């Protein structure tokens, strides 16, 4: 499946809920989001059917997102259903990690191959401030549970924010000395509640000049500390725009395909089945714009907050 710019589309980010058990300041308003009616959110069967249609069109990698996917009732059933689909070679999940102590082993048994854990600070007081309700210890216990459950190549996603966690860059990089993790620093994008604090990814390289470059992976430029067990990655949608190699589409929890995160275009998929559903997915992929325009506009044109789209 190719878009109109001949990019091969093989990656689906599938949001299973717009709800979350945290209230991170750059992602959600303090009061949370208005809970949708049950009928407004895709059922387990619909989500699996959409993933199956995407796989029929050439998608080989599916990532489950939210909101926080682990608060979704039926998450293990969703994982098992997608893992069983012919053509899906990799099933991943992005989580804030707070529910991993209980769910890491069941997720592994349900067929999840790899986890990304969002963690923007290693300081308990800052974590409580940023999330408005979370405890850092839960996430750290979740990372331990993931390792014990057999997960490897776990990635820790760190959103870079000036004046909040830029003084912790060295601490995060140091984690890769001791643990076989990939710490990925992600540039803050002007979307939803995120309106200040942008830092370019190159700040990491300036603060940690001892990093040695290694092979890139997907959209991430990567480095390693000499003798380190893990890797350091940079995801730079603002300063090193990677639209030219984008291979992904997104489906929201209410069943709309977004050809691009930063475009307001959405294609409704609910109620479609069989070839009609596959055709809509192919048309959605073909509609991917050449690139985003955040630099020119100063703002994402996504039309929704990140929790409503899927991280």
C-alpha atoms as a PDB file:
ATOM      1  CA  UNK A   1       0.000   0.000   0.000  1.00  0.00           C
ATOM      2  CA  UNK A   2       1.520   3.297  -1.142  1.00  0.00           C
ATOM      3  CA  UNK A   3       0.507   6.909  -0.779  1.00  0.00           C
ATOM      4  CA  UNK A   4       0.517   9.415  -3.622  1.00  0.00           C
ATOM      5  CA  UNK A   5       4.187  10.215  -2.907  1.00  0.00           C
ATOM      6  CA  UNK A   6       5.153   6.532  -3.273  1.00  0.00           C
ATOM      7  CA  UNK A   7       5.836   6.040   0.436  1.00  0.00           C
ATOM      8  CA  UNK A   8       5.156   2.455   1.491  1.00  0.00           C
ATOM      9  CA  UNK A   9       2.597   2.429   4.329  1.00  0.00           C
ATOM     10  CA  UNK A  10       3.248  -0.510   6.653  1.00  0.00           C
ATOM     11  CA  UNK A  11       2.585   0.881  10.149  1.00  0.00           C
ATOM     12  CA  UNK A  12      -0.753   1.409  11.894  1.00  0.00           C
ATOM     13  CA  UNK A  13      -1.112   3.275  15.166  1.00  0.00           C
ATOM     14  CA  UNK A  14      -4.457   2.153  16.568  1.00  0.00           C
ATOM     15  CA  UNK A  15      -5.967   4.082  19.480  1.00  0.00           C
ATOM     16  CA  UNK A  16      -8.152   1.919  21.706  1.00  0.00           C
ATOM     17  CA  UNK A  17      -9.356   4.694  24.059  1.00  0.00           C
ATOM     18  CA  UNK A  18      -9.132   8.444  24.577  1.00  0.00           C
ATOM     19  CA  UNK A  19      -9.212   8.026  28.367  1.00  0.00           C
ATOM     20  CA  UNK A  20      -6.208   8.054  30.672  1.00  0.00           C
ATOM     21  CA  UNK A  21      -5.518   7.561  34.359  1.00  0.00           C
ATOM     22  CA  UNK A  22      -3.076  10.511  34.339  1.00  0.00           C
ATOM     23  CA  UNK A  23      -3.517  14.182  33.402  1.00  0.00           C
ATOM     24  CA  UNK A  24      -0.161  15.150  31.907  1.00  0.00           C
ATOM     25  CA  UNK A  25      -0.015  18.915  31.498  1.00  0.00           C
ATOM     26  CA  UNK A  26       1.063  18.941  27.846  1.00  0.00           C
ATOM     27  CA  UNK A  27      -1.487  16.320  26.835  1.00  0.00           C
ATOM     28  CA  UNK A  28      -4.769  16.757  28.714  1.00  0.00           C
ATOM     29  CA  UNK A  29      -6.668  19.471  30.561  1.00  0.00           C
ATOM     30  CA  UNK A  30      -6.675  19.220  34.367  1.00  0.00           C
ATOM     31  CA  UNK A  31     -10.295  18.091  34.450  1.00  0.00           C
ATOM     32  CA  UNK A  32      -9.651  15.331  31.925  1.00  0.00           C
ATOM     33  CA  UNK A  33     -11.825  14.790  28.879  1.00  0.00           C
ATOM     34  CA  UNK A  34     -15.563  14.417  28.505  1.00  0.00           C
ATOM     35  CA  UNK A  35     -16.203  10.700  28.538  1.00  0.00           C
ATOM     36  CA  UNK A  36     -17.773   9.541  25.314  1.00  0.00           C
ATOM     37  CA  UNK A  37     -20.794   7.305  25.221  1.00  0.00           C
ATOM     38  CA  UNK A  38     -19.944   3.610  25.011  1.00  0.00           C
ATOM     39  CA  UNK A  39     -21.506   3.536  21.550  1.00  0.00           C
ATOM     40  CA  UNK A  40     -19.151   6.263  20.313  1.00  0.00           C
ATOM     41  CA  UNK A  41     -16.015   4.157  20.883  1.00  0.00           C
ATOM     42  CA  UNK A  42     -15.073   1.224  18.687  1.00  0.00           C
ATOM     43  CA  UNK A  43     -15.791  -2.197  20.134  1.00  0.00           C
ATOM     44  CA  UNK A  44     -13.117  -4.860  20.522  1.00  0.00           C
ATOM     45  CA  UNK A  45     -14.454  -6.562  17.402  1.00  0.00           C
ATOM     46  CA  UNK A  46     -14.414  -3.338  15.364  1.00  0.00           C
ATOM     47  CA  UNK A  47     -10.830  -2.544  16.338  1.00  0.00           C
ATOM     48  CA  UNK A  48      -9.646  -6.023  15.388  1.00  0.00           C
ATOM     49  CA  UNK A  49     -11.591  -5.860  12.119  1.00  0.00           C
ATOM     50  CA  UNK A  50      -9.988  -2.519  11.205  1.00  0.00           C
ATOM     51  CA  UNK A  51      -6.531  -3.869  12.027  1.00  0.00           C
ATOM     52  CA  UNK A  52      -7.261  -6.941   9.900  1.00  0.00           C
ATOM     53  CA  UNK A  53      -8.303  -4.786   6.942  1.00  0.00           C
ATOM     54  CA  UNK A  54      -5.147  -2.674   7.336  1.00  0.00           C
ATOM     55  CA  UNK A  55      -3.057  -5.863   7.384  1.00  0.00           C
ATOM     56  CA  UNK A  56      -4.794  -6.998   4.202  1.00  0.00           C
ATOM     57  CA  UNK A  57      -3.683  -3.698   2.648  1.00  0.00           C
ATOM     58  CA  UNK A  58      -0.027  -4.219   3.595  1.00  0.00           C
ATOM     59  CA  UNK A  59       0.332  -3.080   7.216  1.00  0.00           C
ATOM     60  CA  UNK A  60       2.824  -5.305   9.054  1.00  0.00           C
ATOM     61  CA  UNK A  61       3.264  -3.385  12.322  1.00  0.00           C
ATOM     62  CA  UNK A  62       0.485  -2.336  14.701  1.00  0.00           C
ATOM     63  CA  UNK A  63       0.993  -0.144  17.754  1.00  0.00           C
ATOM     64  CA  UNK A  64      -1.800   0.171  20.318  1.00  0.00           C
ATOM     65  CA  UNK A  65      -2.116   3.618  21.882  1.00  0.00           C
ATOM     66  CA  UNK A  66      -4.573   5.730  23.871  1.00  0.00           C
ATOM     67  CA  UNK A  67      -5.153   7.844  25.884  1.00  0.00           C
ATOM     68  CA  UNK A  68      -3.756   5.091  28.060  1.00  0.00           C
ATOM     69  CA  UNK A  69      -4.446   1.754  26.344  1.00  0.00           C
ATOM     70  CA  UNK A  70      -4.224  -0.255  29.554  1.00  0.00           C
ATOM     71  CA  UNK A  71      -7.354   1.400  30.981  1.00  0.00           C
ATOM     72  CA  UNK A  72      -9.349   0.012  28.054  1.00  0.00           C
ATOM     73  CA  UNK A  73     -11.658  -2.819  29.027  1.00  0.00           C
ATOM     74  CA  UNK A  74     -10.853  -5.758  26.768  1.00  0.00           C
ATOM     75  CA  UNK A  75      -7.271  -4.698  26.039  1.00  0.00           C
ATOM     76  CA  UNK A  76      -5.981  -8.268  26.303  1.00  0.00           C
ATOM     77  CA  UNK A  77      -8.693  -9.482  23.960  1.00  0.00           C
ATOM     78  CA  UNK A  78      -7.722  -6.770  21.481  1.00  0.00           C
ATOM     79  CA  UNK A  79      -4.072  -7.822  21.716  1.00  0.00           C
ATOM     80  CA  UNK A  80      -4.871 -11.497  21.175  1.00  0.00           C
ATOM     81  CA  UNK A  81      -7.120 -10.700  18.226  1.00  0.00           C
ATOM     82  CA  UNK A  82      -4.545  -8.562  16.427  1.00  0.00           C
ATOM     83  CA  UNK A  83      -1.659 -10.905  17.230  1.00  0.00           C
ATOM     84  CA  UNK A  84      -3.540 -13.705  15.437  1.00  0.00           C
ATOM     85  CA  UNK A  85      -3.917 -11.712  12.207  1.00  0.00           C
ATOM     86  CA  UNK A  86      -1.987 -12.988   9.186  1.00  0.00           C
ATOM     87  CA  UNK A  87       0.487 -10.364   8.046  1.00  0.00           C
ATOM     88  CA  UNK A  88       0.984  -8.634  11.405  1.00  0.00           C
ATOM     89  CA  UNK A  89       4.643  -9.225  12.181  1.00  0.00           C
ATOM     90  CA  UNK A  90       4.957  -6.883  15.146  1.00  0.00           C
ATOM     91  CA  UNK A  91       2.465  -5.825  17.817  1.00  0.00           C
ATOM     92  CA  UNK A  92       3.616  -2.983  20.073  1.00  0.00           C
ATOM     93  CA  UNK A  93       1.982  -0.916  22.783  1.00  0.00           C
ATOM     94  CA  UNK A  94       2.705   2.548  24.173  1.00  0.00           C
ATOM     95  CA  UNK A  95       1.811   3.048  27.826  1.00  0.00           C
ATOM     96  CA  UNK A  96       2.494   5.376  30.729  1.00  0.00           C
ATOM     97  CA  UNK A  97       3.604   2.266  32.613  1.00  0.00           C
ATOM     98  CA  UNK A  98       1.556   2.744  35.777  1.00  0.00           C
ATOM     99  CA  UNK A  99      -0.536  -0.402  35.180  1.00  0.00           C
ATOM    100  CA  UNK A 100       2.321  -2.598  33.995  1.00  0.00           C
ATOM    101  CA  UNK A 101       2.989  -4.136  37.429  1.00  0.00           C
ATOM    102  CA  UNK A 102      -0.272  -6.076  37.029  1.00  0.00           C
ATOM    103  CA  UNK A 103      -0.505  -6.294  33.246  1.00  0.00           C
ATOM    104  CA  UNK A 104       3.028  -6.813  31.875  1.00  0.00           C
ATOM    105  CA  UNK A 105       2.884 -10.626  32.057  1.00  0.00           C
ATOM    106  CA  UNK A 106      -0.688 -10.888  30.655  1.00  0.00           C
ATOM    107  CA  UNK A 107       0.259  -8.532  27.791  1.00  0.00           C
ATOM    108  CA  UNK A 108       3.250 -10.701  26.929  1.00  0.00           C
ATOM    109  CA  UNK A 109       1.067 -13.797  26.995  1.00  0.00           C
ATOM    110  CA  UNK A 110      -1.472 -12.020  24.756  1.00  0.00           C
ATOM    111  CA  UNK A 111       1.185 -11.541  22.083  1.00  0.00           C
ATOM    112  CA  UNK A 112       2.555  -8.022  22.556  1.00  0.00           C
ATOM    113  CA  UNK A 113       6.122  -7.987  21.226  1.00  0.00           C
ATOM    114  CA  UNK A 114       7.453  -4.692  22.544  1.00  0.00           C
ATOM    115  CA  UNK A 115       6.597  -1.824  24.874  1.00  0.00           C
ATOM    116  CA  UNK A 116       7.213   1.913  24.799  1.00  0.00           C
ATOM    117  CA  UNK A 117       6.904   3.526  28.227  1.00  0.00           C
ATOM    118  CA  UNK A 118       6.332   7.273  28.495  1.00  0.00           C
ATOM    119  CA  UNK A 119       8.411   8.817  31.280  1.00  0.00           C
ATOM    120  CA  UNK A 120       9.348  12.502  31.274  1.00  0.00           C
ATOM    121  CA  UNK A 121      11.168  12.799  34.597  1.00  0.00           C
ATOM    122  CA  UNK A 122      13.045  10.644  37.082  1.00  0.00           C
ATOM    123  CA  UNK A 123      12.147  12.863  40.035  1.00  0.00           C
ATOM    124  CA  UNK A 124       9.058  11.906  42.076  1.00  0.00           C
ATOM    125  CA  UNK A 125       7.988  15.483  42.809  1.00  0.00           C
ATOM    126  CA  UNK A 126       8.217  16.514  39.162  1.00  0.00           C
ATOM    127  CA  UNK A 127       6.394  13.385  38.070  1.00  0.00           C
ATOM    128  CA  UNK A 128       3.523  14.149  40.454  1.00  0.00           C
ATOM    129  CA  UNK A 129       3.409  17.741  39.180  1.00  0.00           C
ATOM    130  CA  UNK A 130       3.466  16.833  35.486  1.00  0.00           C
ATOM    131  CA  UNK A 131       0.934  14.001  35.673  1.00  0.00           C
ATOM    132  CA  UNK A 132      -1.243  15.771  38.295  1.00  0.00           C
ATOM    133  CA  UNK A 133      -1.932  12.418  39.966  1.00  0.00           C
ATOM    134  CA  UNK A 134       0.728   9.801  39.211  1.00  0.00           C
ATOM    135  CA  UNK A 135       3.486   8.185  41.269  1.00  0.00           C
ATOM    136  CA  UNK A 136       6.896   7.609  39.716  1.00  0.00           C
ATOM    137  CA  UNK A 137       7.349   4.395  41.724  1.00  0.00           C
ATOM    138  CA  UNK A 138       4.496   2.768  39.795  1.00  0.00           C
ATOM    139  CA  UNK A 139       6.264   3.339  36.476  1.00  0.00           C
ATOM    140  CA  UNK A 140       9.593   2.056  37.768  1.00  0.00           C
ATOM    141  CA  UNK A 141       7.853  -1.054  39.110  1.00  0.00           C
ATOM    142  CA  UNK A 142       6.177  -1.385  35.715  1.00  0.00           C
ATOM    143  CA  UNK A 143       9.534  -1.367  33.915  1.00  0.00           C
ATOM    144  CA  UNK A 144      10.770  -4.093  36.264  1.00  0.00           C
ATOM    145  CA  UNK A 145       7.614  -6.120  35.650  1.00  0.00           C
ATOM    146  CA  UNK A 146       8.080  -5.780  31.896  1.00  0.00           C
ATOM    147  CA  UNK A 147      11.629  -7.131  32.120  1.00  0.00           C
ATOM    148  CA  UNK A 148      10.485 -10.020  34.320  1.00  0.00           C
ATOM    149  CA  UNK A 149       7.703 -10.811  31.851  1.00  0.00           C
ATOM    150  CA  UNK A 150      10.255 -11.246  29.077  1.00  0.00           C
ATOM    151  CA  UNK A 151       9.956  -7.964  27.223  1.00  0.00           C
ATOM    152  CA  UNK A 152      13.170  -6.795  25.569  1.00  0.00           C
ATOM    153  CA  UNK A 153      14.113  -3.726  23.518  1.00  0.00           C
ATOM    154  CA  UNK A 154      11.813  -1.636  25.712  1.00  0.00           C
ATOM    155  CA  UNK A 155      11.847   2.042  24.820  1.00  0.00           C
ATOM    156  CA  UNK A 156      11.463   4.904  27.286  1.00  0.00           C
ATOM    157  CA  UNK A 157       9.852   7.949  25.652  1.00  0.00           C
ATOM    158  CA  UNK A 158      10.951  11.295  27.097  1.00  0.00           C
ATOM    159  CA  UNK A 159       9.308  14.483  25.835  1.00  0.00           C
ATOM    160  CA  UNK A 160      11.952  17.225  25.962  1.00  0.00           C
ATOM    161  CA  UNK A 161      10.694  20.337  27.771  1.00  0.00           C
ATOM    162  CA  UNK A 162      12.745  23.430  28.462  1.00  0.00           C
ATOM    163  CA  UNK A 163      12.574  24.469  32.082  1.00  0.00           C
ATOM    164  CA  UNK A 164      11.100  21.171  33.189  1.00  0.00           C
ATOM    165  CA  UNK A 165      13.330  18.188  32.413  1.00  0.00           C
ATOM    166  CA  UNK A 166      16.215  19.551  30.351  1.00  0.00           C
ATOM    167  CA  UNK A 167      18.414  19.314  33.458  1.00  0.00           C
ATOM    168  CA  UNK A 168      17.710  15.548  33.550  1.00  0.00           C
ATOM    169  CA  UNK A 169      19.008  14.746  30.068  1.00  0.00           C
ATOM    170  CA  UNK A 170      22.243  13.344  31.497  1.00  0.00           C
ATOM    171  CA  UNK A 171      20.319  11.235  34.026  1.00  0.00           C
ATOM    172  CA  UNK A 172      18.207   9.657  31.311  1.00  0.00           C
ATOM    173  CA  UNK A 173      21.235   9.009  29.102  1.00  0.00           C
ATOM    174  CA  UNK A 174      22.975   7.390  32.079  1.00  0.00           C
ATOM    175  CA  UNK A 175      20.180   4.817  32.275  1.00  0.00           C
ATOM    176  CA  UNK A 176      21.467   3.346  29.015  1.00  0.00           C
ATOM    177  CA  UNK A 177      24.805   2.634  30.691  1.00  0.00           C
ATOM    178  CA  UNK A 178      23.194   0.260  33.173  1.00  0.00           C
ATOM    179  CA  UNK A 179      20.092  -1.054  31.423  1.00  0.00           C
ATOM    180  CA  UNK A 180      19.368  -2.463  27.927  1.00  0.00           C
ATOM    181  CA  UNK A 181      16.807   0.258  27.247  1.00  0.00           C
ATOM    182  CA  UNK A 182      16.475   2.691  24.390  1.00  0.00           C
ATOM    183  CA  UNK A 183      15.795   6.145  25.794  1.00  0.00           C
ATOM    184  CA  UNK A 184      14.107   8.235  23.126  1.00  0.00           C
ATOM    185  CA  UNK A 185      13.982  11.993  23.495  1.00  0.00           C
ATOM    186  CA  UNK A 186      10.997  13.419  21.614  1.00  0.00           C
ATOM    187  CA  UNK A 187      10.633  17.042  20.581  1.00  0.00           C
ATOM    188  CA  UNK A 188       7.546  18.730  21.998  1.00  0.00           C
ATOM    189  CA  UNK A 189       5.033  19.432  19.232  1.00  0.00           C
ATOM    190  CA  UNK A 190       2.630  22.411  19.247  1.00  0.00           C
ATOM    191  CA  UNK A 191      -0.537  20.352  19.574  1.00  0.00           C
ATOM    192  CA  UNK A 192      -3.336  20.448  22.125  1.00  0.00           C
ATOM    193  CA  UNK A 193      -2.169  21.608  25.552  1.00  0.00           C
ATOM    194  CA  UNK A 194       1.497  21.765  24.508  1.00  0.00           C
ATOM    195  CA  UNK A 195       2.149  25.450  23.890  1.00  0.00           C
ATOM    196  CA  UNK A 196       5.563  26.152  25.422  1.00  0.00           C
ATOM    197  CA  UNK A 197       8.804  24.454  26.368  1.00  0.00           C
ATOM    198  CA  UNK A 198      10.100  23.329  22.963  1.00  0.00           C
ATOM    199  CA  UNK A 199      13.730  22.194  22.835  1.00  0.00           C
ATOM    200  CA  UNK A 200      15.485  20.881  19.722  1.00  0.00           C
ATOM    201  CA  UNK A 201      16.699  17.312  19.904  1.00  0.00           C
ATOM    202  CA  UNK A 202      20.274  18.411  19.273  1.00  0.00           C
ATOM    203  CA  UNK A 203      20.272  19.726  22.855  1.00  0.00           C
ATOM    204  CA  UNK A 204      20.830  16.117  23.950  1.00  0.00           C
ATOM    205  CA  UNK A 205      23.993  15.875  21.832  1.00  0.00           C
ATOM    206  CA  UNK A 206      25.275  19.189  23.176  1.00  0.00           C
ATOM    207  CA  UNK A 207      24.781  18.041  26.779  1.00  0.00           C
ATOM    208  CA  UNK A 208      26.216  14.554  26.193  1.00  0.00           C
ATOM    209  CA  UNK A 209      29.161  14.925  23.774  1.00  0.00           C
ATOM    210  CA  UNK A 210      30.413  11.413  24.542  1.00  0.00           C
ATOM    211  CA  UNK A 211      27.592   9.748  22.623  1.00  0.00           C
ATOM    212  CA  UNK A 212      28.692   7.703  19.598  1.00  0.00           C
ATOM    213  CA  UNK A 213      26.380   7.525  16.568  1.00  0.00           C
ATOM    214  CA  UNK A 214      24.948   4.153  15.532  1.00  0.00           C
ATOM    215  CA  UNK A 215      22.492   3.061  12.854  1.00  0.00           C
ATOM    216  CA  UNK A 216      19.153   4.884  12.762  1.00  0.00           C
ATOM    217  CA  UNK A 217      15.907   3.014  13.374  1.00  0.00           C
ATOM    218  CA  UNK A 218      12.755   4.199  11.657  1.00  0.00           C
ATOM    219  CA  UNK A 219      12.399   7.918  12.325  1.00  0.00           C
ATOM    220  CA  UNK A 220      14.905   7.895  15.202  1.00  0.00           C
ATOM    221  CA  UNK A 221      18.509   8.996  14.940  1.00  0.00           C
ATOM    222  CA  UNK A 222      20.439   6.931  17.491  1.00  0.00           C
ATOM    223  CA  UNK A 223      23.610   6.977  19.614  1.00  0.00           C
ATOM    224  CA  UNK A 224      25.292   4.862  22.250  1.00  0.00           C
ATOM    225  CA  UNK A 225      27.484   5.554  25.259  1.00  0.00           C
ATOM    226  CA  UNK A 226      30.808   3.714  24.909  1.00  0.00           C
ATOM    227  CA  UNK A 227      30.360   0.468  26.816  1.00  0.00           C
ATOM    228  CA  UNK A 228      26.687   1.168  27.461  1.00  0.00           C
ATOM    229  CA  UNK A 229      24.031  -1.547  27.386  1.00  0.00           C
ATOM    230  CA  UNK A 230      21.309   0.585  25.807  1.00  0.00           C
ATOM    231  CA  UNK A 231      20.777   3.255  23.165  1.00  0.00           C
ATOM    232  CA  UNK A 232      19.796   6.908  22.965  1.00  0.00           C
ATOM    233  CA  UNK A 233      17.373   7.973  20.247  1.00  0.00           C
ATOM    234  CA  UNK A 234      16.111  11.343  19.010  1.00  0.00           C
ATOM    235  CA  UNK A 235      12.620  11.797  17.522  1.00  0.00           C
ATOM    236  CA  UNK A 236      12.654  15.253  15.941  1.00  0.00           C
ATOM    237  CA  UNK A 237       9.423  16.120  14.131  1.00  0.00           C
ATOM    238  CA  UNK A 238      10.196  19.839  14.355  1.00  0.00           C
ATOM    239  CA  UNK A 239      13.927  20.325  13.769  1.00  0.00           C
ATOM    240  CA  UNK A 240      14.597  17.274  11.583  1.00  0.00           C
ATOM    241  CA  UNK A 241      11.242  16.752   9.930  1.00  0.00           C
ATOM    242  CA  UNK A 242      10.976  13.106   8.821  1.00  0.00           C
ATOM    243  CA  UNK A 243       7.791  13.321   6.756  1.00  0.00           C
ATOM    244  CA  UNK A 244       9.601  12.083   3.658  1.00  0.00           C
ATOM    245  CA  UNK A 245       9.996   8.631   5.173  1.00  0.00           C
ATOM    246  CA  UNK A 246       6.705   8.451   7.096  1.00  0.00           C
ATOM    247  CA  UNK A 247       5.196   4.978   6.771  1.00  0.00           C
ATOM    248  CA  UNK A 248       2.233   5.253   9.154  1.00  0.00           C
ATOM    249  CA  UNK A 249      -1.461   5.877   9.345  1.00  0.00           C
ATOM    250  CA  UNK A 250      -3.587   6.279  12.468  1.00  0.00           C
ATOM    251  CA  UNK A 251      -7.046   5.133  13.484  1.00  0.00           C
ATOM    252  CA  UNK A 252      -8.711   6.902  16.397  1.00  0.00           C
ATOM    253  CA  UNK A 253     -10.690   5.181  19.135  1.00  0.00           C
ATOM    254  CA  UNK A 254     -13.921   6.404  17.540  1.00  0.00           C
ATOM    255  CA  UNK A 255     -12.987   4.802  14.227  1.00  0.00           C
ATOM    256  CA  UNK A 256     -11.608   7.562  12.047  1.00  0.00           C
ATOM    257  CA  UNK A 257      -8.515   7.151   9.918  1.00  0.00           C
ATOM    258  CA  UNK A 258      -6.055  10.027  10.041  1.00  0.00           C
ATOM    259  CA  UNK A 259      -3.629   9.983   7.099  1.00  0.00           C
ATOM    260  CA  UNK A 260      -1.362  12.379   9.041  1.00  0.00           C
ATOM    261  CA  UNK A 261      -1.201  13.241  12.725  1.00  0.00           C
ATOM    262  CA  UNK A 262      -0.971  16.956  11.943  1.00  0.00           C
ATOM    263  CA  UNK A 263      -3.784  17.146   9.397  1.00  0.00           C
ATOM    264  CA  UNK A 264      -7.440  17.686  10.246  1.00  0.00           C
ATOM    265  CA  UNK A 265      -8.458  15.191   7.562  1.00  0.00           C
ATOM    266  CA  UNK A 266     -10.282  12.170   8.958  1.00  0.00           C
ATOM    267  CA  UNK A 267     -11.948   9.298   7.130  1.00  0.00           C
ATOM    268  CA  UNK A 268     -14.787   7.480   8.953  1.00  0.00           C
ATOM    269  CA  UNK A 269     -14.385   3.702   9.004  1.00  0.00           C
ATOM    270  CA  UNK A 270     -17.123   2.534  11.365  1.00  0.00           C
ATOM    271  CA  UNK A 271     -19.867   0.608   9.627  1.00  0.00           C
ATOM    272  CA  UNK A 272     -17.615  -0.424   6.766  1.00  0.00           C
ATOM    273  CA  UNK A 273     -16.707  -4.063   6.185  1.00  0.00           C
ATOM    274  CA  UNK A 274     -14.805  -6.232   3.750  1.00  0.00           C
ATOM    275  CA  UNK A 275     -13.652  -4.618   0.545  1.00  0.00           C
ATOM    276  CA  UNK A 276     -15.441  -1.369   1.385  1.00  0.00           C
ATOM    277  CA  UNK A 277     -13.354  -1.047   4.561  1.00  0.00           C
ATOM    278  CA  UNK A 278     -10.123  -1.969   2.759  1.00  0.00           C
ATOM    279  CA  UNK A 279     -10.878   0.572   0.045  1.00  0.00           C
ATOM    280  CA  UNK A 280     -11.396   3.330   2.614  1.00  0.00           C
ATOM    281  CA  UNK A 281      -8.052   2.459   4.261  1.00  0.00           C
ATOM    282  CA  UNK A 282      -6.240   2.519   0.926  1.00  0.00           C
ATOM    283  CA  UNK A 283      -7.859   5.854   0.070  1.00  0.00           C
ATOM    284  CA  UNK A 284      -6.836   7.197   3.459  1.00  0.00           C
ATOM    285  CA  UNK A 285      -3.244   6.155   2.897  1.00  0.00           C
ATOM    286  CA  UNK A 286      -3.267   7.716  -0.554  1.00  0.00           C
ATOM    287  CA  UNK A 287      -4.456  10.981   0.998  1.00  0.00           C
ATOM    288  CA  UNK A 288      -1.343  11.418   3.158  1.00  0.00           C
ATOM    289  CA  UNK A 289      -0.007  14.942   2.688  1.00  0.00           C
ATOM    290  CA  UNK A 290       3.592  15.410   1.624  1.00  0.00           C
ATOM    291  CA  UNK A 291       4.536  16.935   4.993  1.00  0.00           C
ATOM    292  CA  UNK A 292       3.234  18.780   8.034  1.00  0.00           C
ATOM    293  CA  UNK A 293       3.243  22.585   8.260  1.00  0.00           C
ATOM    294  CA  UNK A 294       3.857  23.173  11.977  1.00  0.00           C
ATOM    295  CA  UNK A 295       6.891  25.359  11.340  1.00  0.00           C
ATOM    296  CA  UNK A 296       4.935  27.686   9.067  1.00  0.00           C
ATOM    297  CA  UNK A 297       1.646  27.622  10.977  1.00  0.00           C
ATOM    298  CA  UNK A 298       3.161  27.581  14.475  1.00  0.00           C
ATOM    299  CA  UNK A 299       0.582  24.986  15.417  1.00  0.00           C
ATOM    300  CA  UNK A 300      -0.499  21.489  14.488  1.00  0.00           C
ATOM    301  CA  UNK A 301      -3.595  21.306  12.309  1.00  0.00           C
ATOM    302  CA  UNK A 302      -4.592  17.988  13.889  1.00  0.00           C
ATOM    303  CA  UNK A 303      -7.962  19.276  15.072  1.00  0.00           C
ATOM    304  CA  UNK A 304      -7.852  17.160  18.246  1.00  0.00           C
ATOM    305  CA  UNK A 305      -5.734  16.725  21.354  1.00  0.00           C
ATOM    306  CA  UNK A 306      -3.188  13.907  21.391  1.00  0.00           C
ATOM    307  CA  UNK A 307      -5.225  11.749  23.766  1.00  0.00           C
ATOM    308  CA  UNK A 308      -8.055  11.808  21.225  1.00  0.00           C
ATOM    309  CA  UNK A 309      -5.808  10.814  18.330  1.00  0.00           C
ATOM    310  CA  UNK A 310      -3.397   8.340  19.872  1.00  0.00           C
ATOM    311  CA  UNK A 311       0.188   8.957  20.941  1.00  0.00           C
END
